[in-house]
mmCIF file of all heavy atoms, coordinates in Angstrom:
data_MODEL
# 
_entry.id   MODEL 
# 
loop_
_atom_site.group_PDB 
_atom_site.id 
_atom_site.type_symbol 
_atom_site.label_atom_id 
_atom_site.label_alt_id 
_atom_site.label_comp_id 
_atom_site.label_asym_id 
_atom_site.label_entity_id 
_atom_site.label_seq_id 
_atom_site.pdbx_PDB_ins_code 
_atom_site.Cartn_x 
_atom_site.Cartn_y 
_atom_site.Cartn_z 
_atom_site.occupancy 
_atom_site.B_iso_or_equiv 
_atom_site.pdbx_formal_charge 
_atom_site.auth_seq_id 
_atom_site.auth_comp_id 
_atom_site.auth_asym_id 
_atom_site.auth_atom_id 
_atom_site.pdbx_PDB_model_num 
ATOM 1   N N   . LEU A 1 1  ? 185.882 128.566 89.087  1.00 0.00 ? 1  LEU A N   1 
ATOM 2   C CA  . LEU A 1 1  ? 185.067 129.536 88.378  1.00 0.00 ? 1  LEU A CA  1 
ATOM 3   C C   . LEU A 1 1  ? 184.717 128.949 86.968  1.00 0.00 ? 1  LEU A C   1 
ATOM 4   O O   . LEU A 1 1  ? 185.587 128.364 86.315  1.00 0.00 ? 1  LEU A O   1 
ATOM 5   C CB  . LEU A 1 1  ? 185.894 130.813 88.310  1.00 0.00 ? 1  LEU A CB  1 
ATOM 6   C CG  . LEU A 1 1  ? 185.200 132.117 87.961  1.00 0.00 ? 1  LEU A CG  1 
ATOM 7   C CD1 . LEU A 1 1  ? 184.297 132.465 89.127  1.00 0.00 ? 1  LEU A CD1 1 
ATOM 8   C CD2 . LEU A 1 1  ? 186.278 133.199 87.834  1.00 0.00 ? 1  LEU A CD2 1 
ATOM 9   N N   . ILE A 1 2  ? 183.487 129.206 86.625  1.00 0.00 ? 2  ILE A N   1 
ATOM 10  C CA  . ILE A 1 2  ? 183.025 128.745 85.250  1.00 0.00 ? 2  ILE A CA  1 
ATOM 11  C C   . ILE A 1 2  ? 182.231 129.867 84.519  1.00 0.00 ? 2  ILE A C   1 
ATOM 12  O O   . ILE A 1 2  ? 181.741 130.755 85.306  1.00 0.00 ? 2  ILE A O   1 
ATOM 13  C CB  . ILE A 1 2  ? 182.255 127.427 85.216  1.00 0.00 ? 2  ILE A CB  1 
ATOM 14  C CG1 . ILE A 1 2  ? 180.903 127.617 85.962  1.00 0.00 ? 2  ILE A CG1 1 
ATOM 15  C CG2 . ILE A 1 2  ? 183.029 126.232 85.754  1.00 0.00 ? 2  ILE A CG2 1 
ATOM 16  C CD1 . ILE A 1 2  ? 179.946 126.435 85.645  1.00 0.00 ? 2  ILE A CD1 1 
ATOM 17  N N   . VAL A 1 3  ? 182.141 129.866 83.270  1.00 0.00 ? 3  VAL A N   1 
ATOM 18  C CA  . VAL A 1 3  ? 181.243 130.750 82.574  1.00 0.00 ? 3  VAL A CA  1 
ATOM 19  C C   . VAL A 1 3  ? 180.357 129.834 81.703  1.00 0.00 ? 3  VAL A C   1 
ATOM 20  O O   . VAL A 1 3  ? 180.874 128.960 80.986  1.00 0.00 ? 3  VAL A O   1 
ATOM 21  C CB  . VAL A 1 3  ? 182.103 131.735 81.624  1.00 0.00 ? 3  VAL A CB  1 
ATOM 22  C CG1 . VAL A 1 3  ? 181.073 132.517 80.797  1.00 0.00 ? 3  VAL A CG1 1 
ATOM 23  C CG2 . VAL A 1 3  ? 182.916 132.594 82.420  1.00 0.00 ? 3  VAL A CG2 1 
ATOM 24  N N   . ARG A 1 4  ? 179.105 129.985 81.863  1.00 0.00 ? 4  ARG A N   1 
ATOM 25  C CA  . ARG A 1 4  ? 178.149 129.112 81.203  1.00 0.00 ? 4  ARG A CA  1 
ATOM 26  C C   . ARG A 1 4  ? 177.345 130.029 80.203  1.00 0.00 ? 4  ARG A C   1 
ATOM 27  O O   . ARG A 1 4  ? 176.979 131.146 80.551  1.00 0.00 ? 4  ARG A O   1 
ATOM 28  C CB  . ARG A 1 4  ? 177.158 128.491 82.208  1.00 0.00 ? 4  ARG A CB  1 
ATOM 29  C CG  . ARG A 1 4  ? 176.038 127.670 81.624  1.00 0.00 ? 4  ARG A CG  1 
ATOM 30  C CD  . ARG A 1 4  ? 175.248 127.097 82.739  1.00 0.00 ? 4  ARG A CD  1 
ATOM 31  N NE  . ARG A 1 4  ? 175.949 126.135 83.557  1.00 0.00 ? 4  ARG A NE  1 
ATOM 32  C CZ  . ARG A 1 4  ? 175.748 125.990 84.798  1.00 0.00 ? 4  ARG A CZ  1 
ATOM 33  N NH1 . ARG A 1 4  ? 174.779 126.623 85.422  1.00 0.00 ? 4  ARG A NH1 1 
ATOM 34  N NH2 . ARG A 1 4  ? 176.491 125.231 85.523  1.00 0.00 ? 4  ARG A NH2 1 
ATOM 35  N N   . ILE A 1 5  ? 177.140 129.493 79.008  1.00 0.00 ? 5  ILE A N   1 
ATOM 36  C CA  . ILE A 1 5  ? 176.313 130.176 78.046  1.00 0.00 ? 5  ILE A CA  1 
ATOM 37  C C   . ILE A 1 5  ? 174.862 129.652 78.208  1.00 0.00 ? 5  ILE A C   1 
ATOM 38  O O   . ILE A 1 5  ? 174.660 128.461 78.034  1.00 0.00 ? 5  ILE A O   1 
ATOM 39  C CB  . ILE A 1 5  ? 176.772 130.043 76.686  1.00 0.00 ? 5  ILE A CB  1 
ATOM 40  C CG1 . ILE A 1 5  ? 178.173 130.529 76.448  1.00 0.00 ? 5  ILE A CG1 1 
ATOM 41  C CG2 . ILE A 1 5  ? 175.829 130.646 75.588  1.00 0.00 ? 5  ILE A CG2 1 
ATOM 42  C CD1 . ILE A 1 5  ? 178.864 130.283 75.103  1.00 0.00 ? 5  ILE A CD1 1 
ATOM 43  N N   . VAL A 1 6  ? 173.950 130.637 78.508  1.00 0.00 ? 6  VAL A N   1 
ATOM 44  C CA  . VAL A 1 6  ? 172.538 130.254 78.724  1.00 0.00 ? 6  VAL A CA  1 
ATOM 45  C C   . VAL A 1 6  ? 171.668 131.167 77.796  1.00 0.00 ? 6  VAL A C   1 
ATOM 46  O O   . VAL A 1 6  ? 171.614 132.396 78.147  1.00 0.00 ? 6  VAL A O   1 
ATOM 47  C CB  . VAL A 1 6  ? 172.116 130.388 80.189  1.00 0.00 ? 6  VAL A CB  1 
ATOM 48  C CG1 . VAL A 1 6  ? 170.670 129.988 80.350  1.00 0.00 ? 6  VAL A CG1 1 
ATOM 49  C CG2 . VAL A 1 6  ? 172.958 129.519 81.065  1.00 0.00 ? 6  VAL A CG2 1 
ATOM 50  N N   . GLY A 1 7  ? 171.157 130.679 76.779  1.00 0.00 ? 7  GLY A N   1 
ATOM 51  C CA  . GLY A 1 7  ? 170.357 131.514 75.792  1.00 0.00 ? 7  GLY A CA  1 
ATOM 52  C C   . GLY A 1 7  ? 171.240 132.581 75.239  1.00 0.00 ? 7  GLY A C   1 
ATOM 53  O O   . GLY A 1 7  ? 172.201 132.360 74.589  1.00 0.00 ? 7  GLY A O   1 
ATOM 54  N N   . GLN A 1 8  ? 170.872 133.866 75.489  1.00 0.00 ? 8  GLN A N   1 
ATOM 55  C CA  . GLN A 1 8  ? 171.605 135.040 75.024  1.00 0.00 ? 8  GLN A CA  1 
ATOM 56  C C   . GLN A 1 8  ? 172.486 135.633 76.086  1.00 0.00 ? 8  GLN A C   1 
ATOM 57  O O   . GLN A 1 8  ? 172.685 136.877 76.037  1.00 0.00 ? 8  GLN A O   1 
ATOM 58  C CB  . GLN A 1 8  ? 170.605 136.082 74.579  1.00 0.00 ? 8  GLN A CB  1 
ATOM 59  C CG  . GLN A 1 8  ? 169.877 135.814 73.250  1.00 0.00 ? 8  GLN A CG  1 
ATOM 60  C CD  . GLN A 1 8  ? 170.895 135.945 72.077  1.00 0.00 ? 8  GLN A CD  1 
ATOM 61  O OE1 . GLN A 1 8  ? 171.129 135.060 71.410  1.00 0.00 ? 8  GLN A OE1 1 
ATOM 62  N NE2 . GLN A 1 8  ? 171.296 137.196 71.837  1.00 0.00 ? 8  GLN A NE2 1 
ATOM 63  N N   . ALA A 1 9  ? 172.829 134.876 77.106  1.00 0.00 ? 9  ALA A N   1 
ATOM 64  C CA  . ALA A 1 9  ? 173.637 135.389 78.221  1.00 0.00 ? 9  ALA A CA  1 
ATOM 65  C C   . ALA A 1 9  ? 174.813 134.601 78.582  1.00 0.00 ? 9  ALA A C   1 
ATOM 66  O O   . ALA A 1 9  ? 174.823 133.368 78.329  1.00 0.00 ? 9  ALA A O   1 
ATOM 67  C CB  . ALA A 1 9  ? 172.685 135.533 79.430  1.00 0.00 ? 9  ALA A CB  1 
ATOM 68  N N   . LEU A 1 10 ? 175.732 135.198 79.263  1.00 0.00 ? 10 LEU A N   1 
ATOM 69  C CA  . LEU A 1 10 ? 176.864 134.452 79.879  1.00 0.00 ? 10 LEU A CA  1 
ATOM 70  C C   . LEU A 1 10 ? 176.709 134.584 81.331  1.00 0.00 ? 10 LEU A C   1 
ATOM 71  O O   . LEU A 1 10 ? 176.422 135.704 81.833  1.00 0.00 ? 10 LEU A O   1 
ATOM 72  C CB  . LEU A 1 10 ? 178.197 135.135 79.464  1.00 0.00 ? 10 LEU A CB  1 
ATOM 73  C CG  . LEU A 1 10 ? 178.520 135.401 77.978  1.00 0.00 ? 10 LEU A CG  1 
ATOM 74  C CD1 . LEU A 1 10 ? 179.786 136.098 77.849  1.00 0.00 ? 10 LEU A CD1 1 
ATOM 75  C CD2 . LEU A 1 10 ? 178.529 134.020 77.286  1.00 0.00 ? 10 LEU A CD2 1 
ATOM 76  N N   . GLU A 1 11 ? 176.781 133.444 82.019  1.00 0.00 ? 11 GLU A N   1 
ATOM 77  C CA  . GLU A 1 11 ? 176.655 133.424 83.483  1.00 0.00 ? 11 GLU A CA  1 
ATOM 78  C C   . GLU A 1 11 ? 177.982 133.068 84.053  1.00 0.00 ? 11 GLU A C   1 
ATOM 79  O O   . GLU A 1 11 ? 178.593 132.034 83.705  1.00 0.00 ? 11 GLU A O   1 
ATOM 80  C CB  . GLU A 1 11 ? 175.614 132.549 83.921  1.00 0.00 ? 11 GLU A CB  1 
ATOM 81  C CG  . GLU A 1 11 ? 174.152 132.880 83.563  1.00 0.00 ? 11 GLU A CG  1 
ATOM 82  C CD  . GLU A 1 11 ? 173.050 131.981 84.060  1.00 0.00 ? 11 GLU A CD  1 
ATOM 83  O OE1 . GLU A 1 11 ? 173.499 130.934 84.702  1.00 0.00 ? 11 GLU A OE1 1 
ATOM 84  O OE2 . GLU A 1 11 ? 171.914 132.307 83.903  1.00 0.00 ? 11 GLU A OE2 1 
ATOM 85  N N   . VAL A 1 12 ? 178.534 133.896 84.977  1.00 0.00 ? 12 VAL A N   1 
ATOM 86  C CA  . VAL A 1 12 ? 179.760 133.597 85.683  1.00 0.00 ? 12 VAL A CA  1 
ATOM 87  C C   . VAL A 1 12 ? 179.347 132.944 87.024  1.00 0.00 ? 12 VAL A C   1 
ATOM 88  O O   . VAL A 1 12 ? 178.583 133.579 87.765  1.00 0.00 ? 12 VAL A O   1 
ATOM 89  C CB  . VAL A 1 12 ? 180.635 134.878 85.877  1.00 0.00 ? 12 VAL A CB  1 
ATOM 90  C CG1 . VAL A 1 12 ? 181.907 134.514 86.615  1.00 0.00 ? 12 VAL A CG1 1 
ATOM 91  C CG2 . VAL A 1 12 ? 180.892 135.551 84.558  1.00 0.00 ? 12 VAL A CG2 1 
ATOM 92  N N   . LEU A 1 13 ? 179.868 131.850 87.285  1.00 0.00 ? 13 LEU A N   1 
ATOM 93  C CA  . LEU A 1 13 ? 179.461 131.038 88.486  1.00 0.00 ? 13 LEU A CA  1 
ATOM 94  C C   . LEU A 1 13 ? 180.738 130.661 89.215  1.00 0.00 ? 13 LEU A C   1 
ATOM 95  O O   . LEU A 1 13 ? 181.688 130.270 88.652  1.00 0.00 ? 13 LEU A O   1 
ATOM 96  C CB  . LEU A 1 13 ? 178.659 129.874 88.198  1.00 0.00 ? 13 LEU A CB  1 
ATOM 97  C CG  . LEU A 1 13 ? 177.413 130.150 87.387  1.00 0.00 ? 13 LEU A CG  1 
ATOM 98  C CD1 . LEU A 1 13 ? 176.903 128.841 86.578  1.00 0.00 ? 13 LEU A CD1 1 
ATOM 99  C CD2 . LEU A 1 13 ? 176.318 130.510 88.193  1.00 0.00 ? 13 LEU A CD2 1 
ATOM 100 N N   . GLU A 1 14 ? 180.654 130.661 90.543  1.00 0.00 ? 14 GLU A N   1 
ATOM 101 C CA  . GLU A 1 14 ? 181.693 130.074 91.422  1.00 0.00 ? 14 GLU A CA  1 
ATOM 102 C C   . GLU A 1 14 ? 181.150 128.624 91.808  1.00 0.00 ? 14 GLU A C   1 
ATOM 103 O O   . GLU A 1 14 ? 180.073 128.455 92.205  1.00 0.00 ? 14 GLU A O   1 
ATOM 104 C CB  . GLU A 1 14 ? 181.793 130.938 92.666  1.00 0.00 ? 14 GLU A CB  1 
ATOM 105 C CG  . GLU A 1 14 ? 182.867 130.442 93.619  1.00 0.00 ? 14 GLU A CG  1 
ATOM 106 C CD  . GLU A 1 14 ? 183.035 131.285 94.813  1.00 0.00 ? 14 GLU A CD  1 
ATOM 107 O OE1 . GLU A 1 14 ? 183.771 132.322 94.750  1.00 0.00 ? 14 GLU A OE1 1 
ATOM 108 O OE2 . GLU A 1 14 ? 182.369 130.990 95.860  1.00 0.00 ? 14 GLU A OE2 1 
ATOM 109 N N   . ILE A 1 15 ? 182.105 127.652 91.737  1.00 0.00 ? 15 ILE A N   1 
ATOM 110 C CA  . ILE A 1 15 ? 181.696 126.314 92.008  1.00 0.00 ? 15 ILE A CA  1 
ATOM 111 C C   . ILE A 1 15 ? 182.484 125.856 93.303  1.00 0.00 ? 15 ILE A C   1 
ATOM 112 O O   . ILE A 1 15 ? 183.698 126.025 93.332  1.00 0.00 ? 15 ILE A O   1 
ATOM 113 C CB  . ILE A 1 15 ? 182.069 125.326 90.856  1.00 0.00 ? 15 ILE A CB  1 
ATOM 114 C CG1 . ILE A 1 15 ? 181.451 125.760 89.550  1.00 0.00 ? 15 ILE A CG1 1 
ATOM 115 C CG2 . ILE A 1 15 ? 181.767 123.924 91.177  1.00 0.00 ? 15 ILE A CG2 1 
ATOM 116 C CD1 . ILE A 1 15 ? 180.013 125.783 89.502  1.00 0.00 ? 15 ILE A CD1 1 
ATOM 117 N N   . ARG A 1 16 ? 181.720 125.364 94.257  1.00 0.00 ? 16 ARG A N   1 
ATOM 118 C CA  . ARG A 1 16 ? 182.307 124.832 95.553  1.00 0.00 ? 16 ARG A CA  1 
ATOM 119 C C   . ARG A 1 16 ? 181.676 123.543 95.891  1.00 0.00 ? 16 ARG A C   1 
ATOM 120 O O   . ARG A 1 16 ? 180.548 123.273 95.486  1.00 0.00 ? 16 ARG A O   1 
ATOM 121 C CB  . ARG A 1 16 ? 182.002 125.807 96.653  1.00 0.00 ? 16 ARG A CB  1 
ATOM 122 C CG  . ARG A 1 16 ? 182.706 127.163 96.577  1.00 0.00 ? 16 ARG A CG  1 
ATOM 123 C CD  . ARG A 1 16 ? 182.455 128.078 97.683  1.00 0.00 ? 16 ARG A CD  1 
ATOM 124 N NE  . ARG A 1 16 ? 183.189 129.207 97.726  1.00 0.00 ? 16 ARG A NE  1 
ATOM 125 C CZ  . ARG A 1 16 ? 184.424 129.364 98.319  1.00 0.00 ? 16 ARG A CZ  1 
ATOM 126 N NH1 . ARG A 1 16 ? 184.937 128.368 98.921  1.00 0.00 ? 16 ARG A NH1 1 
ATOM 127 N NH2 . ARG A 1 16 ? 185.061 130.548 98.180  1.00 0.00 ? 16 ARG A NH2 1 
ATOM 128 N N   . PRO A 1 17 ? 182.314 122.704 96.668  1.00 0.00 ? 17 PRO A N   1 
ATOM 129 C CA  . PRO A 1 17 ? 181.667 121.527 97.223  1.00 0.00 ? 17 PRO A CA  1 
ATOM 130 C C   . PRO A 1 17 ? 180.507 121.863 98.101  1.00 0.00 ? 17 PRO A C   1 
ATOM 131 O O   . PRO A 1 17 ? 180.523 122.825 98.788  1.00 0.00 ? 17 PRO A O   1 
ATOM 132 C CB  . PRO A 1 17 ? 182.784 120.824 98.006  1.00 0.00 ? 17 PRO A CB  1 
ATOM 133 C CG  . PRO A 1 17 ? 184.084 121.423 97.589  1.00 0.00 ? 17 PRO A CG  1 
ATOM 134 C CD  . PRO A 1 17 ? 183.751 122.828 97.086  1.00 0.00 ? 17 PRO A CD  1 
ATOM 135 N N   . ALA A 1 18 ? 179.497 121.080 97.931  1.00 0.00 ? 18 ALA A N   1 
ATOM 136 C CA  . ALA A 1 18 ? 178.259 121.290 98.814  1.00 0.00 ? 18 ALA A CA  1 
ATOM 137 C C   . ALA A 1 18 ? 178.637 121.036 100.240 1.00 0.00 ? 18 ALA A C   1 
ATOM 138 O O   . ALA A 1 18 ? 179.259 120.007 100.568 1.00 0.00 ? 18 ALA A O   1 
ATOM 139 C CB  . ALA A 1 18 ? 177.114 120.405 98.339  1.00 0.00 ? 18 ALA A CB  1 
ATOM 140 N N   . TRP A 1 19 ? 178.310 121.958 101.044 1.00 0.00 ? 19 TRP A N   1 
ATOM 141 C CA  . TRP A 1 19 ? 178.734 121.783 102.479 1.00 0.00 ? 19 TRP A CA  1 
ATOM 142 C C   . TRP A 1 19 ? 177.987 120.677 103.187 1.00 0.00 ? 19 TRP A C   1 
ATOM 143 O O   . TRP A 1 19 ? 178.590 120.151 104.196 1.00 0.00 ? 19 TRP A O   1 
ATOM 144 C CB  . TRP A 1 19 ? 178.548 123.129 103.274 1.00 0.00 ? 19 TRP A CB  1 
ATOM 145 C CG  . TRP A 1 19 ? 177.134 123.521 103.395 1.00 0.00 ? 19 TRP A CG  1 
ATOM 146 C CD1 . TRP A 1 19 ? 176.250 124.209 102.513 1.00 0.00 ? 19 TRP A CD1 1 
ATOM 147 C CD2 . TRP A 1 19 ? 176.242 123.205 104.498 1.00 0.00 ? 19 TRP A CD2 1 
ATOM 148 N NE1 . TRP A 1 19 ? 175.072 124.427 102.995 1.00 0.00 ? 19 TRP A NE1 1 
ATOM 149 C CE2 . TRP A 1 19 ? 174.978 123.769 104.224 1.00 0.00 ? 19 TRP A CE2 1 
ATOM 150 C CE3 . TRP A 1 19 ? 176.388 122.606 105.720 1.00 0.00 ? 19 TRP A CE3 1 
ATOM 151 C CZ2 . TRP A 1 19 ? 173.907 123.699 105.105 1.00 0.00 ? 19 TRP A CZ2 1 
ATOM 152 C CZ3 . TRP A 1 19 ? 175.353 122.500 106.608 1.00 0.00 ? 19 TRP A CZ3 1 
ATOM 153 C CH2 . TRP A 1 19 ? 174.169 123.050 106.310 1.00 0.00 ? 19 TRP A CH2 1 
ATOM 154 N N   . ASN A 1 20 ? 176.817 120.362 102.784 1.00 0.00 ? 20 ASN A N   1 
ATOM 155 C CA  . ASN A 1 20 ? 176.078 119.300 103.400 1.00 0.00 ? 20 ASN A CA  1 
ATOM 156 C C   . ASN A 1 20 ? 175.736 118.151 102.472 1.00 0.00 ? 20 ASN A C   1 
ATOM 157 O O   . ASN A 1 20 ? 174.855 117.367 102.789 1.00 0.00 ? 20 ASN A O   1 
ATOM 158 C CB  . ASN A 1 20 ? 174.797 119.781 104.138 1.00 0.00 ? 20 ASN A CB  1 
ATOM 159 C CG  . ASN A 1 20 ? 173.833 120.399 103.174 1.00 0.00 ? 20 ASN A CG  1 
ATOM 160 O OD1 . ASN A 1 20 ? 174.184 120.617 101.993 1.00 0.00 ? 20 ASN A OD1 1 
ATOM 161 N ND2 . ASN A 1 20 ? 172.709 120.721 103.612 1.00 0.00 ? 20 ASN A ND2 1 
ATOM 162 N N   . GLY A 1 21 ? 176.290 118.094 101.317 1.00 0.00 ? 21 GLY A N   1 
ATOM 163 C CA  . GLY A 1 21 ? 175.961 117.142 100.342 1.00 0.00 ? 21 GLY A CA  1 
ATOM 164 C C   . GLY A 1 21 ? 176.851 115.889 100.314 1.00 0.00 ? 21 GLY A C   1 
ATOM 165 O O   . GLY A 1 21 ? 177.785 115.767 101.064 1.00 0.00 ? 21 GLY A O   1 
ATOM 166 N N   . ALA A 1 22 ? 176.520 115.067 99.419  1.00 0.00 ? 22 ALA A N   1 
ATOM 167 C CA  . ALA A 1 22 ? 177.361 113.859 99.231  1.00 0.00 ? 22 ALA A CA  1 
ATOM 168 C C   . ALA A 1 22 ? 178.731 114.250 98.571  1.00 0.00 ? 22 ALA A C   1 
ATOM 169 O O   . ALA A 1 22 ? 178.820 115.264 97.971  1.00 0.00 ? 22 ALA A O   1 
ATOM 170 C CB  . ALA A 1 22 ? 176.582 112.895 98.293  1.00 0.00 ? 22 ALA A CB  1 
ATOM 171 N N   . PRO A 1 23 ? 179.691 113.383 98.797  1.00 0.00 ? 23 PRO A N   1 
ATOM 172 C CA  . PRO A 1 23 ? 181.009 113.682 98.204  1.00 0.00 ? 23 PRO A CA  1 
ATOM 173 C C   . PRO A 1 23 ? 180.859 113.788 96.727  1.00 0.00 ? 23 PRO A C   1 
ATOM 174 O O   . PRO A 1 23 ? 180.175 113.007 96.080  1.00 0.00 ? 23 PRO A O   1 
ATOM 175 C CB  . PRO A 1 23 ? 181.864 112.412 98.570  1.00 0.00 ? 23 PRO A CB  1 
ATOM 176 C CG  . PRO A 1 23 ? 181.187 111.899 99.817  1.00 0.00 ? 23 PRO A CG  1 
ATOM 177 C CD  . PRO A 1 23 ? 179.766 112.224 99.677  1.00 0.00 ? 23 PRO A CD  1 
ATOM 178 N N   . GLY A 1 24 ? 181.457 114.821 96.114  1.00 0.00 ? 24 GLY A N   1 
ATOM 179 C CA  . GLY A 1 24 ? 181.416 115.027 94.735  1.00 0.00 ? 24 GLY A CA  1 
ATOM 180 C C   . GLY A 1 24 ? 180.249 116.028 94.324  1.00 0.00 ? 24 GLY A C   1 
ATOM 181 O O   . GLY A 1 24 ? 180.213 116.476 93.157  1.00 0.00 ? 24 GLY A O   1 
ATOM 182 N N   . GLU A 1 25 ? 179.383 116.294 95.208  1.00 0.00 ? 25 GLU A N   1 
ATOM 183 C CA  . GLU A 1 25 ? 178.214 117.224 94.997  1.00 0.00 ? 25 GLU A CA  1 
ATOM 184 C C   . GLU A 1 25 ? 178.730 118.573 95.110  1.00 0.00 ? 25 GLU A C   1 
ATOM 185 O O   . GLU A 1 25 ? 179.571 118.889 96.004  1.00 0.00 ? 25 GLU A O   1 
ATOM 186 C CB  . GLU A 1 25 ? 177.088 116.974 95.948  1.00 0.00 ? 25 GLU A CB  1 
ATOM 187 C CG  . GLU A 1 25 ? 175.773 117.514 95.555  1.00 0.00 ? 25 GLU A CG  1 
ATOM 188 C CD  . GLU A 1 25 ? 174.676 117.127 96.524  1.00 0.00 ? 25 GLU A CD  1 
ATOM 189 O OE1 . GLU A 1 25 ? 174.651 115.856 96.950  1.00 0.00 ? 25 GLU A OE1 1 
ATOM 190 O OE2 . GLU A 1 25 ? 173.903 118.013 96.846  1.00 0.00 ? 25 GLU A OE2 1 
ATOM 191 N N   . THR A 1 26 ? 178.345 119.528 94.118  1.00 0.00 ? 26 THR A N   1 
ATOM 192 C CA  . THR A 1 26 ? 178.794 120.894 94.193  1.00 0.00 ? 26 THR A CA  1 
ATOM 193 C C   . THR A 1 26 ? 177.688 121.868 94.293  1.00 0.00 ? 26 THR A C   1 
ATOM 194 O O   . THR A 1 26 ? 176.488 121.571 94.009  1.00 0.00 ? 26 THR A O   1 
ATOM 195 C CB  . THR A 1 26 ? 179.597 121.151 92.925  1.00 0.00 ? 26 THR A CB  1 
ATOM 196 O OG1 . THR A 1 26 ? 178.783 121.055 91.786  1.00 0.00 ? 26 THR A OG1 1 
ATOM 197 C CG2 . THR A 1 26 ? 180.852 120.362 92.802  1.00 0.00 ? 26 THR A CG2 1 
ATOM 198 N N   . THR A 1 27 ? 177.976 123.075 94.694  1.00 0.00 ? 27 THR A N   1 
ATOM 199 C CA  . THR A 1 27 ? 177.084 124.211 94.766  1.00 0.00 ? 27 THR A CA  1 
ATOM 200 C C   . THR A 1 27 ? 177.517 125.280 93.792  1.00 0.00 ? 27 THR A C   1 
ATOM 201 O O   . THR A 1 27 ? 178.723 125.572 93.653  1.00 0.00 ? 27 THR A O   1 
ATOM 202 C CB  . THR A 1 27 ? 177.050 124.802 96.188  1.00 0.00 ? 27 THR A CB  1 
ATOM 203 O OG1 . THR A 1 27 ? 176.655 123.794 97.016  1.00 0.00 ? 27 THR A OG1 1 
ATOM 204 C CG2 . THR A 1 27 ? 176.117 125.903 96.292  1.00 0.00 ? 27 THR A CG2 1 
ATOM 205 N N   . GLU A 1 28 ? 176.616 125.848 93.025  1.00 0.00 ? 28 GLU A N   1 
ATOM 206 C CA  . GLU A 1 28 ? 176.974 126.942 92.126  1.00 0.00 ? 28 GLU A CA  1 
ATOM 207 C C   . GLU A 1 28 ? 176.419 128.259 92.701  1.00 0.00 ? 28 GLU A C   1 
ATOM 208 O O   . GLU A 1 28 ? 175.316 128.392 93.076  1.00 0.00 ? 28 GLU A O   1 
ATOM 209 C CB  . GLU A 1 28 ? 176.325 126.681 90.728  1.00 0.00 ? 28 GLU A CB  1 
ATOM 210 C CG  . GLU A 1 28 ? 176.842 125.457 90.054  1.00 0.00 ? 28 GLU A CG  1 
ATOM 211 C CD  . GLU A 1 28 ? 176.085 125.274 88.725  1.00 0.00 ? 28 GLU A CD  1 
ATOM 212 O OE1 . GLU A 1 28 ? 175.125 126.002 88.435  1.00 0.00 ? 28 GLU A OE1 1 
ATOM 213 O OE2 . GLU A 1 28 ? 176.611 124.314 87.989  1.00 0.00 ? 28 GLU A OE2 1 
ATOM 214 N N   . LEU A 1 29 ? 177.321 129.187 92.830  1.00 0.00 ? 29 LEU A N   1 
ATOM 215 C CA  . LEU A 1 29 ? 177.000 130.499 93.337  1.00 0.00 ? 29 LEU A CA  1 
ATOM 216 C C   . LEU A 1 29 ? 177.098 131.573 92.163  1.00 0.00 ? 29 LEU A C   1 
ATOM 217 O O   . LEU A 1 29 ? 178.250 131.705 91.668  1.00 0.00 ? 29 LEU A O   1 
ATOM 218 C CB  . LEU A 1 29 ? 177.967 130.901 94.475  1.00 0.00 ? 29 LEU A CB  1 
ATOM 219 C CG  . LEU A 1 29 ? 178.097 129.951 95.594  1.00 0.00 ? 29 LEU A CG  1 
ATOM 220 C CD1 . LEU A 1 29 ? 179.263 130.269 96.484  1.00 0.00 ? 29 LEU A CD1 1 
ATOM 221 C CD2 . LEU A 1 29 ? 176.762 129.937 96.443  1.00 0.00 ? 29 LEU A CD2 1 
ATOM 222 N N   . PRO A 1 30 ? 176.073 132.212 91.811  1.00 0.00 ? 30 PRO A N   1 
ATOM 223 C CA  . PRO A 1 30 ? 176.085 133.154 90.713  1.00 0.00 ? 30 PRO A CA  1 
ATOM 224 C C   . PRO A 1 30 ? 176.899 134.395 91.116  1.00 0.00 ? 30 PRO A C   1 
ATOM 225 O O   . PRO A 1 30 ? 176.720 134.932 92.209  1.00 0.00 ? 30 PRO A O   1 
ATOM 226 C CB  . PRO A 1 30 ? 174.642 133.468 90.531  1.00 0.00 ? 30 PRO A CB  1 
ATOM 227 C CG  . PRO A 1 30 ? 173.853 132.912 91.549  1.00 0.00 ? 30 PRO A CG  1 
ATOM 228 C CD  . PRO A 1 30 ? 174.687 132.071 92.339  1.00 0.00 ? 30 PRO A CD  1 
ATOM 229 N N   . ILE A 1 31 ? 177.741 134.887 90.211  1.00 0.00 ? 31 ILE A N   1 
ATOM 230 C CA  . ILE A 1 31 ? 178.470 136.037 90.327  1.00 0.00 ? 31 ILE A CA  1 
ATOM 231 C C   . ILE A 1 31 ? 178.035 137.192 89.490  1.00 0.00 ? 31 ILE A C   1 
ATOM 232 O O   . ILE A 1 31 ? 177.941 138.272 89.845  1.00 0.00 ? 31 ILE A O   1 
ATOM 233 C CB  . ILE A 1 31 ? 180.080 135.686 90.182  1.00 0.00 ? 31 ILE A CB  1 
ATOM 234 C CG1 . ILE A 1 31 ? 180.429 134.776 91.203  1.00 0.00 ? 31 ILE A CG1 1 
ATOM 235 C CG2 . ILE A 1 31 ? 180.868 136.988 90.153  1.00 0.00 ? 31 ILE A CG2 1 
ATOM 236 C CD1 . ILE A 1 31 ? 181.777 134.196 90.994  1.00 0.00 ? 31 ILE A CD1 1 
# 
């Protein structure tokens, strides 16, 4: 889980490995 500051907002995101990507590649799911 990460919190990213973007402009005037905080975005809470879940980070997971990409299911069909290269090793080390991740997917961000907005929460």
